[in-house]
Amino acid sequence: MSLDRDKVNSSTDYDSKKEKNQIWRGLLENIQIIIFALILSFIIRTFIAEPRYIPSESMLPTLEEGDRLVVEKVSYYFHPPQRGDVIVFEPPRQLRLQGYKKEQAFIKRVVGVGGETVAVVDGKVYINNQLIPEDYILESPRYNLKPITIPDSQLFVMGDNRNNSNDSHIWGVLPKENVIGHAVFRFFPFQRIGNV
């Protein structure tokens, strides 16, 4: 009689250990999946694409305050930013000296690239003495800007809301290494989903 009781106890102990092992195995698998997902998310956000929020009206009418965008980072590994690209960037040294933090990303449009000369005359932007068409701006600039030759490896960036934008016409050129990525797609608000 006691032998049968021992068999039952050992069988119950075995089943209990087996159940605990399955629980631990399942828990470890879930932890591995979570760690993998976090690593993958970090890699995607760091090297491929990330979401961004528009905090101001400096890019009206192209982007409105509160818009949410996808900023891709891959294309600039293969070619530099081009005139017309809407880019997100870390504040350059000039802005950091004014108290902006590295994490306070800006979004502006590339107007000029290294080697070009930019000027604003009578509300119009000129590159190398040629008027550039700008059907994307809110209104013409109400300021003039003497010609500035953009050094290589630098960019000249402006907000589409030219008269309400803290941009290169105020603080100067932007080093290319400050560029985080290219704003390519608006995913919110839903009624305005589409390419930037």
N, C-alpha and C. Protein backbone atom coordinates (compact mmCIF):
# COMPACT_ATOMS: atom_id res chain seq x y z
N MET A 1 0.81 -1.18 0.00
CA MET A 1 0.00 0.00 0.00
C MET A 1 0.87 1.26 0.00
N SER A 2 1.91 1.31 0.84
CA SER A 2 2.78 2.47 0.91
C SER A 2 3.59 2.63 -0.37
N LEU A 3 3.91 1.51 -1.06
CA LEU A 3 4.64 1.59 -2.32
C LEU A 3 3.81 2.32 -3.37
N ASP A 4 2.51 2.00 -3.40
CA ASP A 4 1.64 2.67 -4.35
C ASP A 4 1.57 4.17 -4.06
N ARG A 5 1.53 4.51 -2.75
CA ARG A 5 1.48 5.91 -2.37
C ARG A 5 2.77 6.62 -2.81
N ASP A 6 3.92 5.94 -2.66
CA ASP A 6 5.20 6.52 -3.09
C ASP A 6 5.23 6.74 -4.60
N LYS A 7 4.66 5.77 -5.35
CA LYS A 7 4.60 5.91 -6.80
C LYS A 7 3.77 7.13 -7.19
N VAL A 8 2.65 7.30 -6.50
CA VAL A 8 1.78 8.45 -6.79
C VAL A 8 2.50 9.74 -6.47
N ASN A 9 3.18 9.81 -5.32
CA ASN A 9 3.92 11.02 -4.93
C ASN A 9 5.03 11.33 -5.92
N SER A 10 5.80 10.31 -6.31
CA SER A 10 6.91 10.57 -7.25
C SER A 10 6.37 10.98 -8.61
N SER A 11 5.24 10.40 -9.02
CA SER A 11 4.63 10.77 -10.29
C SER A 11 4.13 12.21 -10.23
N THR A 12 3.53 12.62 -9.11
CA THR A 12 3.05 13.98 -8.93
C THR A 12 4.21 14.95 -8.91
N ASP A 13 5.31 14.58 -8.21
CA ASP A 13 6.51 15.44 -8.18
C ASP A 13 7.08 15.63 -9.59
N TYR A 14 7.12 14.53 -10.37
CA TYR A 14 7.64 14.60 -11.73
C TYR A 14 6.77 15.53 -12.58
N ASP A 15 5.44 15.36 -12.48
CA ASP A 15 4.53 16.20 -13.26
C ASP A 15 4.67 17.67 -12.85
N SER A 16 4.84 17.92 -11.56
CA SER A 16 5.00 19.29 -11.06
C SER A 16 6.29 19.91 -11.59
N LYS A 17 7.38 19.14 -11.57
CA LYS A 17 8.66 19.64 -12.09
C LYS A 17 8.57 19.90 -13.59
N LYS A 18 7.89 18.99 -14.30
CA LYS A 18 7.73 19.14 -15.74
C LYS A 18 6.93 20.40 -16.06
N GLU A 19 5.87 20.65 -15.28
CA GLU A 19 5.04 21.84 -15.48
C GLU A 19 5.83 23.11 -15.20
N LYS A 20 6.63 23.10 -14.13
CA LYS A 20 7.46 24.27 -13.81
C LYS A 20 8.49 24.52 -14.90
N ASN A 21 9.09 23.46 -15.43
CA ASN A 21 10.07 23.60 -16.51
C ASN A 21 9.42 24.20 -17.76
N GLN A 22 8.19 23.77 -18.08
CA GLN A 22 7.48 24.32 -19.23
C GLN A 22 7.16 25.80 -19.03
N ILE A 23 6.78 26.15 -17.80
CA ILE A 23 6.50 27.56 -17.49
C ILE A 23 7.76 28.40 -17.68
N TRP A 24 8.88 27.90 -17.11
CA TRP A 24 10.15 28.64 -17.24
C TRP A 24 10.60 28.74 -18.69
N ARG A 25 10.43 27.62 -19.43
CA ARG A 25 10.82 27.62 -20.85
C ARG A 25 9.98 28.63 -21.62
N GLY A 26 8.68 28.67 -21.36
CA GLY A 26 7.80 29.63 -22.02
C GLY A 26 8.16 31.06 -21.66
N LEU A 27 8.47 31.28 -20.37
CA LEU A 27 8.86 32.61 -19.92
C LEU A 27 10.16 33.06 -20.58
N LEU A 28 11.14 32.15 -20.67
CA LEU A 28 12.42 32.48 -21.32
C LEU A 28 12.22 32.79 -22.81
N GLU A 29 11.35 32.01 -23.46
CA GLU A 29 11.07 32.27 -24.87
C GLU A 29 10.45 33.66 -25.05
N ASN A 30 9.52 34.02 -24.18
CA ASN A 30 8.89 35.34 -24.25
C ASN A 30 9.91 36.45 -24.01
N ILE A 31 10.80 36.24 -23.05
CA ILE A 31 11.85 37.24 -22.77
C ILE A 31 12.76 37.39 -23.99
N GLN A 32 13.12 36.27 -24.62
CA GLN A 32 13.97 36.33 -25.82
C GLN A 32 13.26 37.10 -26.94
N ILE A 33 11.97 36.85 -27.13
CA ILE A 33 11.21 37.56 -28.17
C ILE A 33 11.18 39.06 -27.88
N ILE A 34 10.96 39.43 -26.62
CA ILE A 34 10.91 40.85 -26.24
C ILE A 34 12.27 41.50 -26.48
N ILE A 35 13.35 40.83 -26.07
CA ILE A 35 14.70 41.37 -26.26
C ILE A 35 15.00 41.54 -27.75
N PHE A 36 14.65 40.52 -28.54
CA PHE A 36 14.86 40.60 -29.99
C PHE A 36 14.08 41.76 -30.59
N ALA A 37 12.81 41.92 -30.17
CA ALA A 37 11.98 43.01 -30.68
C ALA A 37 12.57 44.37 -30.32
N LEU A 38 13.09 44.51 -29.09
CA LEU A 38 13.70 45.77 -28.67
C LEU A 38 14.96 46.07 -29.47
N ILE A 39 15.78 45.06 -29.69
CA ILE A 39 17.01 45.25 -30.47
C ILE A 39 16.65 45.62 -31.91
N LEU A 40 15.68 44.92 -32.48
CA LEU A 40 15.25 45.21 -33.85
C LEU A 40 14.69 46.63 -33.95
N SER A 41 13.89 47.00 -32.97
CA SER A 41 13.33 48.36 -32.95
C SER A 41 14.44 49.40 -32.87
N PHE A 42 15.44 49.16 -32.02
CA PHE A 42 16.57 50.08 -31.89
C PHE A 42 17.32 50.21 -33.22
N ILE A 43 17.58 49.08 -33.87
CA ILE A 43 18.31 49.10 -35.14
C ILE A 43 17.52 49.87 -36.20
N ILE A 44 16.21 49.58 -36.30
CA ILE A 44 15.38 50.27 -37.29
C ILE A 44 15.36 51.77 -37.02
N ARG A 45 15.13 52.16 -35.76
CA ARG A 45 15.05 53.58 -35.42
C ARG A 45 16.38 54.29 -35.61
N THR A 46 17.48 53.62 -35.32
CA THR A 46 18.79 54.25 -35.42
C THR A 46 19.28 54.36 -36.86
N PHE A 47 19.04 53.33 -37.67
CA PHE A 47 19.67 53.28 -38.99
C PHE A 47 18.71 53.33 -40.17
N ILE A 48 17.42 53.07 -39.98
CA ILE A 48 16.53 52.93 -41.13
C ILE A 48 15.45 54.02 -41.18
N ALA A 49 14.62 54.11 -40.16
CA ALA A 49 13.53 55.09 -40.16
C ALA A 49 13.02 55.31 -38.74
N GLU A 50 12.41 56.47 -38.53
CA GLU A 50 11.82 56.76 -37.23
C GLU A 50 10.65 57.72 -37.40
N PRO A 51 9.72 57.68 -36.46
CA PRO A 51 8.61 58.62 -36.50
C PRO A 51 9.02 59.95 -35.89
N ARG A 52 8.44 61.04 -36.39
CA ARG A 52 8.69 62.38 -35.85
C ARG A 52 7.40 63.17 -35.79
N TYR A 53 7.37 64.12 -34.88
CA TYR A 53 6.20 64.97 -34.63
C TYR A 53 6.57 66.40 -35.00
N ILE A 54 5.68 67.14 -35.66
CA ILE A 54 5.94 68.53 -36.04
C ILE A 54 5.44 69.44 -34.92
N PRO A 55 6.36 70.16 -34.25
CA PRO A 55 5.97 70.96 -33.08
C PRO A 55 5.64 72.42 -33.38
N SER A 56 5.85 72.87 -34.63
CA SER A 56 5.67 74.30 -34.90
C SER A 56 5.04 74.51 -36.28
N GLU A 57 4.84 75.79 -36.62
CA GLU A 57 4.24 76.15 -37.92
C GLU A 57 5.29 76.58 -38.94
N SER A 58 6.56 76.28 -38.70
CA SER A 58 7.63 76.78 -39.57
C SER A 58 7.62 76.16 -40.96
N MET A 59 6.90 75.04 -41.13
CA MET A 59 6.88 74.38 -42.45
C MET A 59 5.52 74.48 -43.14
N LEU A 60 4.64 75.39 -42.65
CA LEU A 60 3.37 75.61 -43.34
C LEU A 60 3.64 76.12 -44.75
N PRO A 61 2.90 75.78 -45.74
CA PRO A 61 1.71 74.92 -45.73
C PRO A 61 2.01 73.45 -45.94
N THR A 62 3.28 73.09 -46.16
CA THR A 62 3.64 71.69 -46.44
C THR A 62 3.30 70.79 -45.26
N LEU A 63 3.71 71.22 -44.07
CA LEU A 63 3.47 70.44 -42.85
C LEU A 63 2.80 71.32 -41.81
N GLU A 64 1.83 70.75 -41.13
CA GLU A 64 1.13 71.50 -40.10
C GLU A 64 1.59 71.05 -38.72
N GLU A 65 1.42 71.94 -37.75
CA GLU A 65 1.74 71.60 -36.37
C GLU A 65 0.91 70.39 -35.97
N GLY A 66 1.57 69.39 -35.39
CA GLY A 66 0.89 68.17 -34.97
C GLY A 66 0.99 67.03 -35.97
N ASP A 67 1.44 67.31 -37.20
CA ASP A 67 1.63 66.22 -38.18
C ASP A 67 2.65 65.23 -37.64
N ARG A 68 2.46 63.98 -38.02
CA ARG A 68 3.43 62.94 -37.65
C ARG A 68 3.98 62.33 -38.94
N LEU A 69 5.30 62.19 -38.97
CA LEU A 69 6.01 61.80 -40.19
C LEU A 69 6.88 60.58 -39.98
N VAL A 70 7.18 59.92 -41.09
CA VAL A 70 8.23 58.91 -41.12
C VAL A 70 9.45 59.58 -41.72
N VAL A 71 10.56 59.50 -41.00
CA VAL A 71 11.84 60.05 -41.46
C VAL A 71 12.74 58.87 -41.80
N GLU A 72 13.05 58.73 -43.10
CA GLU A 72 13.92 57.62 -43.50
C GLU A 72 15.39 58.06 -43.46
N LYS A 73 16.26 57.11 -43.14
CA LYS A 73 17.67 57.43 -42.95
C LYS A 73 18.59 56.73 -43.93
N VAL A 74 18.05 55.87 -44.77
CA VAL A 74 18.89 55.03 -45.62
C VAL A 74 19.43 55.78 -46.83
N SER A 75 18.60 56.58 -47.50
CA SER A 75 19.01 57.18 -48.78
C SER A 75 20.25 58.05 -48.65
N TYR A 76 20.42 58.72 -47.51
CA TYR A 76 21.58 59.60 -47.36
C TYR A 76 22.88 58.86 -47.10
N TYR A 77 22.81 57.53 -46.97
CA TYR A 77 24.05 56.73 -46.96
C TYR A 77 24.61 56.65 -48.37
N PHE A 78 23.74 56.83 -49.38
CA PHE A 78 24.14 56.66 -50.78
C PHE A 78 24.31 57.95 -51.54
N HIS A 79 23.62 59.01 -51.12
CA HIS A 79 23.77 60.31 -51.77
C HIS A 79 23.46 61.40 -50.75
N PRO A 80 24.03 62.58 -50.92
CA PRO A 80 23.79 63.67 -49.97
C PRO A 80 22.39 64.27 -50.17
N PRO A 81 21.91 65.04 -49.20
CA PRO A 81 20.63 65.73 -49.38
C PRO A 81 20.66 66.62 -50.62
N GLN A 82 19.51 66.71 -51.28
CA GLN A 82 19.38 67.49 -52.50
C GLN A 82 18.48 68.70 -52.25
N ARG A 83 18.62 69.72 -53.09
CA ARG A 83 17.73 70.87 -52.99
C ARG A 83 16.28 70.39 -53.11
N GLY A 84 15.44 70.89 -52.22
CA GLY A 84 14.03 70.51 -52.22
C GLY A 84 13.68 69.45 -51.19
N ASP A 85 14.68 68.69 -50.72
CA ASP A 85 14.41 67.67 -49.69
C ASP A 85 13.97 68.34 -48.39
N VAL A 86 13.00 67.73 -47.73
CA VAL A 86 12.61 68.16 -46.39
C VAL A 86 13.36 67.26 -45.42
N ILE A 87 14.23 67.86 -44.61
CA ILE A 87 15.10 67.07 -43.75
C ILE A 87 14.86 67.37 -42.27
N VAL A 88 15.19 66.39 -41.46
CA VAL A 88 15.19 66.55 -40.01
C VAL A 88 16.65 66.53 -39.58
N PHE A 89 17.01 67.44 -38.66
CA PHE A 89 18.42 67.55 -38.27
C PHE A 89 18.56 67.98 -36.81
N GLU A 90 19.72 67.63 -36.26
CA GLU A 90 20.08 68.11 -34.92
C GLU A 90 20.48 69.57 -35.03
N PRO A 91 20.16 70.37 -34.01
CA PRO A 91 20.54 71.79 -34.08
C PRO A 91 22.05 71.94 -34.23
N PRO A 92 22.49 72.83 -35.12
CA PRO A 92 23.93 73.06 -35.27
C PRO A 92 24.48 73.82 -34.06
N ARG A 93 25.77 73.97 -34.03
CA ARG A 93 26.47 74.60 -32.91
C ARG A 93 25.89 75.98 -32.58
N GLN A 94 25.57 76.76 -33.63
CA GLN A 94 25.05 78.11 -33.41
C GLN A 94 23.78 78.08 -32.53
N LEU A 95 22.92 77.10 -32.78
CA LEU A 95 21.68 76.99 -32.00
C LEU A 95 21.92 76.38 -30.63
N ARG A 96 22.91 75.48 -30.53
CA ARG A 96 23.22 74.88 -29.22
C ARG A 96 23.75 75.95 -28.28
N LEU A 97 24.50 76.93 -28.83
CA LEU A 97 24.99 78.03 -28.01
C LEU A 97 23.85 78.90 -27.50
N GLN A 98 22.72 78.87 -28.21
CA GLN A 98 21.54 79.64 -27.78
C GLN A 98 20.67 78.86 -26.80
N GLY A 99 21.09 77.64 -26.46
CA GLY A 99 20.35 76.86 -25.46
C GLY A 99 19.56 75.69 -26.00
N TYR A 100 19.53 75.49 -27.32
CA TYR A 100 18.83 74.32 -27.87
C TYR A 100 19.63 73.06 -27.54
N LYS A 101 18.93 72.01 -27.22
CA LYS A 101 19.58 70.72 -26.91
C LYS A 101 19.71 69.89 -28.18
N LYS A 102 20.67 68.99 -28.17
CA LYS A 102 20.92 68.12 -29.32
C LYS A 102 19.67 67.34 -29.71
N GLU A 103 18.86 66.97 -28.73
CA GLU A 103 17.66 66.16 -28.97
C GLU A 103 16.52 66.97 -29.61
N GLN A 104 16.61 68.29 -29.61
CA GLN A 104 15.54 69.14 -30.16
C GLN A 104 15.70 69.24 -31.67
N ALA A 105 15.24 68.23 -32.37
CA ALA A 105 15.41 68.18 -33.83
C ALA A 105 14.60 69.27 -34.52
N PHE A 106 15.14 69.76 -35.62
CA PHE A 106 14.50 70.75 -36.47
C PHE A 106 14.08 70.07 -37.77
N ILE A 107 13.12 70.67 -38.46
CA ILE A 107 12.73 70.19 -39.79
C ILE A 107 12.65 71.41 -40.72
N LYS A 108 13.36 71.33 -41.83
CA LYS A 108 13.40 72.43 -42.81
C LYS A 108 13.59 71.83 -44.21
N ARG A 109 13.50 72.70 -45.19
CA ARG A 109 13.72 72.30 -46.58
C ARG A 109 15.12 72.72 -47.01
N VAL A 110 15.81 71.83 -47.73
CA VAL A 110 17.13 72.17 -48.28
C VAL A 110 16.92 73.13 -49.45
N VAL A 111 17.54 74.31 -49.35
CA VAL A 111 17.42 75.32 -50.40
C VAL A 111 18.71 75.39 -51.22
N GLY A 112 19.84 75.22 -50.54
CA GLY A 112 21.12 75.27 -51.24
C GLY A 112 22.09 74.24 -50.69
N VAL A 113 23.00 73.79 -51.54
CA VAL A 113 24.00 72.79 -51.15
C VAL A 113 25.40 73.36 -51.34
N GLY A 114 26.40 72.63 -50.86
CA GLY A 114 27.78 73.09 -50.91
C GLY A 114 28.22 73.56 -52.28
N GLY A 115 28.87 74.72 -52.31
CA GLY A 115 29.37 75.29 -53.56
C GLY A 115 28.41 76.28 -54.20
N GLU A 116 27.15 76.31 -53.77
CA GLU A 116 26.18 77.23 -54.34
C GLU A 116 26.16 78.53 -53.55
N THR A 117 25.70 79.60 -54.20
CA THR A 117 25.54 80.89 -53.53
C THR A 117 24.05 81.19 -53.45
N VAL A 118 23.59 81.45 -52.24
CA VAL A 118 22.17 81.74 -52.01
C VAL A 118 22.00 83.19 -51.61
N ALA A 119 20.91 83.80 -52.08
CA ALA A 119 20.57 85.18 -51.72
C ALA A 119 19.06 85.32 -51.73
N VAL A 120 18.57 86.25 -50.92
CA VAL A 120 17.14 86.59 -50.94
C VAL A 120 17.05 88.07 -51.29
N VAL A 121 16.37 88.36 -52.39
CA VAL A 121 16.24 89.74 -52.88
C VAL A 121 14.77 89.99 -53.23
N ASP A 122 14.22 91.04 -52.61
CA ASP A 122 12.83 91.44 -52.90
C ASP A 122 11.85 90.27 -52.79
N GLY A 123 12.01 89.48 -51.74
CA GLY A 123 11.07 88.39 -51.50
C GLY A 123 11.24 87.17 -52.36
N LYS A 124 12.39 87.06 -53.03
CA LYS A 124 12.64 85.91 -53.89
C LYS A 124 14.00 85.30 -53.55
N VAL A 125 14.07 83.97 -53.65
CA VAL A 125 15.31 83.25 -53.34
C VAL A 125 16.05 82.95 -54.64
N TYR A 126 17.33 83.27 -54.64
CA TYR A 126 18.19 83.03 -55.81
C TYR A 126 19.31 82.08 -55.43
N ILE A 127 19.59 81.15 -56.32
CA ILE A 127 20.75 80.26 -56.18
C ILE A 127 21.64 80.53 -57.38
N ASN A 128 22.88 80.91 -57.12
CA ASN A 128 23.83 81.25 -58.19
C ASN A 128 23.21 82.25 -59.16
N ASN A 129 22.57 83.28 -58.62
CA ASN A 129 21.93 84.36 -59.38
C ASN A 129 20.74 83.91 -60.21
N GLN A 130 20.25 82.70 -60.01
CA GLN A 130 19.08 82.20 -60.72
C GLN A 130 17.91 82.10 -59.75
N LEU A 131 16.78 82.68 -60.11
CA LEU A 131 15.58 82.60 -59.30
C LEU A 131 15.13 81.14 -59.24
N ILE A 132 14.84 80.64 -58.02
CA ILE A 132 14.35 79.26 -57.93
C ILE A 132 12.83 79.28 -57.74
N PRO A 133 12.12 78.41 -58.46
CA PRO A 133 10.67 78.35 -58.30
C PRO A 133 10.33 77.72 -56.95
N GLU A 134 9.39 78.34 -56.24
CA GLU A 134 9.04 77.84 -54.91
C GLU A 134 7.52 77.88 -54.73
N ASP A 135 6.84 76.91 -55.31
CA ASP A 135 5.39 76.87 -55.20
C ASP A 135 4.92 76.26 -53.88
N TYR A 136 5.85 75.87 -53.02
CA TYR A 136 5.52 75.22 -51.76
C TYR A 136 5.53 76.17 -50.56
N ILE A 137 5.94 77.43 -50.72
CA ILE A 137 6.06 78.32 -49.56
C ILE A 137 4.71 78.95 -49.21
N LEU A 138 4.58 79.37 -47.95
CA LEU A 138 3.35 80.02 -47.48
C LEU A 138 3.24 81.42 -48.06
N GLU A 139 4.34 82.17 -47.98
CA GLU A 139 4.38 83.53 -48.54
C GLU A 139 5.84 83.90 -48.79
N SER A 140 6.04 84.90 -49.60
CA SER A 140 7.40 85.34 -49.92
C SER A 140 8.09 85.91 -48.68
N PRO A 141 9.40 85.73 -48.59
CA PRO A 141 10.12 86.30 -47.46
C PRO A 141 10.01 87.82 -47.43
N ARG A 142 9.83 88.35 -46.23
CA ARG A 142 9.78 89.81 -46.05
C ARG A 142 11.14 90.32 -45.57
N TYR A 143 12.19 89.70 -46.05
CA TYR A 143 13.55 90.10 -45.67
C TYR A 143 14.45 89.87 -46.86
N ASN A 144 15.60 90.53 -46.83
CA ASN A 144 16.63 90.30 -47.83
C ASN A 144 17.79 89.58 -47.15
N LEU A 145 18.55 88.88 -47.95
CA LEU A 145 19.72 88.17 -47.46
C LEU A 145 20.84 88.37 -48.46
N LYS A 146 21.95 88.95 -48.00
CA LYS A 146 23.10 89.14 -48.89
C LYS A 146 23.61 87.78 -49.33
N PRO A 147 24.23 87.71 -50.50
CA PRO A 147 24.71 86.42 -51.02
C PRO A 147 25.65 85.71 -50.04
N ILE A 148 25.37 84.43 -49.84
CA ILE A 148 26.20 83.57 -48.99
C ILE A 148 26.62 82.37 -49.83
N THR A 149 27.92 82.12 -49.91
CA THR A 149 28.40 80.92 -50.60
C THR A 149 28.47 79.80 -49.57
N ILE A 150 27.79 78.71 -49.87
CA ILE A 150 27.68 77.58 -48.94
C ILE A 150 28.94 76.73 -49.06
N PRO A 151 29.65 76.52 -47.95
CA PRO A 151 30.84 75.66 -48.01
C PRO A 151 30.47 74.21 -48.35
N ASP A 152 31.43 73.48 -48.91
CA ASP A 152 31.22 72.05 -49.14
C ASP A 152 30.90 71.41 -47.80
N SER A 153 30.14 70.35 -47.84
CA SER A 153 29.70 69.60 -46.65
C SER A 153 28.75 70.40 -45.76
N GLN A 154 28.17 71.47 -46.31
CA GLN A 154 27.19 72.27 -45.57
C GLN A 154 25.92 72.39 -46.41
N LEU A 155 24.83 72.77 -45.75
CA LEU A 155 23.55 72.97 -46.42
C LEU A 155 22.97 74.31 -45.98
N PHE A 156 22.14 74.87 -46.82
CA PHE A 156 21.37 76.06 -46.46
C PHE A 156 19.92 75.62 -46.43
N VAL A 157 19.28 75.75 -45.26
CA VAL A 157 17.92 75.24 -45.08
C VAL A 157 16.98 76.36 -44.66
N MET A 158 15.73 76.27 -45.12
CA MET A 158 14.72 77.27 -44.78
C MET A 158 13.39 76.58 -44.54
N GLY A 159 12.58 77.17 -43.68
CA GLY A 159 11.21 76.69 -43.49
C GLY A 159 10.33 77.19 -44.62
N ASP A 160 9.31 76.43 -44.96
CA ASP A 160 8.38 76.86 -46.02
C ASP A 160 7.55 78.06 -45.57
N ASN A 161 7.40 78.24 -44.27
CA ASN A 161 6.76 79.43 -43.71
C ASN A 161 7.88 80.44 -43.48
N ARG A 162 8.37 81.03 -44.57
CA ARG A 162 9.62 81.80 -44.56
C ARG A 162 9.68 82.90 -43.51
N ASN A 163 8.55 83.50 -43.18
CA ASN A 163 8.58 84.63 -42.24
C ASN A 163 8.35 84.20 -40.80
N ASN A 164 8.24 82.92 -40.57
CA ASN A 164 8.08 82.40 -39.21
C ASN A 164 8.89 81.13 -39.05
N SER A 165 10.17 81.22 -39.37
CA SER A 165 11.03 80.04 -39.34
C SER A 165 12.43 80.41 -38.84
N ASN A 166 12.88 79.68 -37.84
CA ASN A 166 14.23 79.82 -37.30
C ASN A 166 15.13 78.93 -38.17
N ASP A 167 15.73 79.52 -39.20
CA ASP A 167 16.45 78.72 -40.19
C ASP A 167 17.78 79.37 -40.58
N SER A 168 18.35 78.90 -41.68
CA SER A 168 19.69 79.34 -42.10
C SER A 168 19.77 80.84 -42.37
N HIS A 169 18.68 81.49 -42.72
CA HIS A 169 18.77 82.94 -42.96
C HIS A 169 19.04 83.68 -41.65
N ILE A 170 18.83 83.01 -40.50
CA ILE A 170 19.10 83.61 -39.19
C ILE A 170 20.43 83.12 -38.62
N TRP A 171 20.64 81.80 -38.63
CA TRP A 171 21.80 81.25 -37.92
C TRP A 171 22.89 80.67 -38.82
N GLY A 172 22.71 80.68 -40.12
CA GLY A 172 23.80 80.25 -41.00
C GLY A 172 23.63 78.84 -41.55
N VAL A 173 24.71 78.28 -42.03
CA VAL A 173 24.67 77.00 -42.73
C VAL A 173 24.62 75.83 -41.76
N LEU A 174 24.18 74.70 -42.28
CA LEU A 174 24.01 73.47 -41.50
C LEU A 174 25.02 72.42 -41.94
N PRO A 175 25.82 71.88 -41.01
CA PRO A 175 26.72 70.79 -41.39
C PRO A 175 25.92 69.54 -41.78
N LYS A 176 26.33 68.87 -42.85
CA LYS A 176 25.62 67.67 -43.30
C LYS A 176 25.58 66.60 -42.23
N GLU A 177 26.60 66.55 -41.37
CA GLU A 177 26.61 65.49 -40.36
C GLU A 177 25.50 65.65 -39.32
N ASN A 178 24.86 66.81 -39.29
CA ASN A 178 23.75 67.02 -38.35
C ASN A 178 22.43 66.44 -38.87
N VAL A 179 22.41 66.05 -40.15
CA VAL A 179 21.17 65.55 -40.75
C VAL A 179 20.84 64.18 -40.16
N ILE A 180 19.61 64.06 -39.68
CA ILE A 180 19.10 62.79 -39.14
C ILE A 180 18.48 61.96 -40.25
N GLY A 181 17.72 62.60 -41.11
CA GLY A 181 17.09 61.86 -42.19
C GLY A 181 16.18 62.72 -43.05
N HIS A 182 15.53 62.07 -43.98
CA HIS A 182 14.69 62.69 -45.01
C HIS A 182 13.22 62.41 -44.65
N ALA A 183 12.44 63.47 -44.44
CA ALA A 183 11.01 63.32 -44.15
C ALA A 183 10.30 62.92 -45.43
N VAL A 184 9.69 61.73 -45.43
CA VAL A 184 9.14 61.22 -46.68
C VAL A 184 7.64 60.95 -46.66
N PHE A 185 7.08 60.70 -45.48
CA PHE A 185 5.68 60.26 -45.45
C PHE A 185 4.97 60.77 -44.20
N ARG A 186 3.78 61.35 -44.40
CA ARG A 186 2.96 61.78 -43.27
C ARG A 186 1.95 60.67 -42.98
N PHE A 187 1.96 60.15 -41.72
CA PHE A 187 1.03 59.08 -41.38
C PHE A 187 -0.09 59.54 -40.45
N PHE A 188 -0.04 60.80 -40.01
CA PHE A 188 -1.11 61.35 -39.19
C PHE A 188 -1.09 62.86 -39.35
N PRO A 189 -2.26 63.51 -39.44
CA PRO A 189 -3.61 62.98 -39.32
C PRO A 189 -4.03 62.14 -40.52
N PHE A 190 -4.96 61.23 -40.30
CA PHE A 190 -5.32 60.26 -41.32
C PHE A 190 -5.86 60.90 -42.59
N GLN A 191 -6.57 62.03 -42.47
CA GLN A 191 -7.14 62.67 -43.67
C GLN A 191 -6.06 63.32 -44.54
N ARG A 192 -4.83 63.41 -44.02
CA ARG A 192 -3.74 64.02 -44.80
C ARG A 192 -2.59 63.05 -45.01
N ILE A 193 -2.86 61.76 -44.89
CA ILE A 193 -1.82 60.75 -45.12
C ILE A 193 -1.27 60.91 -46.54
N GLY A 194 0.06 60.79 -46.66
CA GLY A 194 0.66 60.84 -47.99
C GLY A 194 2.11 61.26 -47.95
N ASN A 195 2.71 61.31 -49.11
CA ASN A 195 4.12 61.72 -49.23
C ASN A 195 4.29 63.18 -48.85
N VAL A 196 5.46 63.49 -48.34
CA VAL A 196 5.78 64.88 -47.97
C VAL A 196 6.28 65.59 -49.22
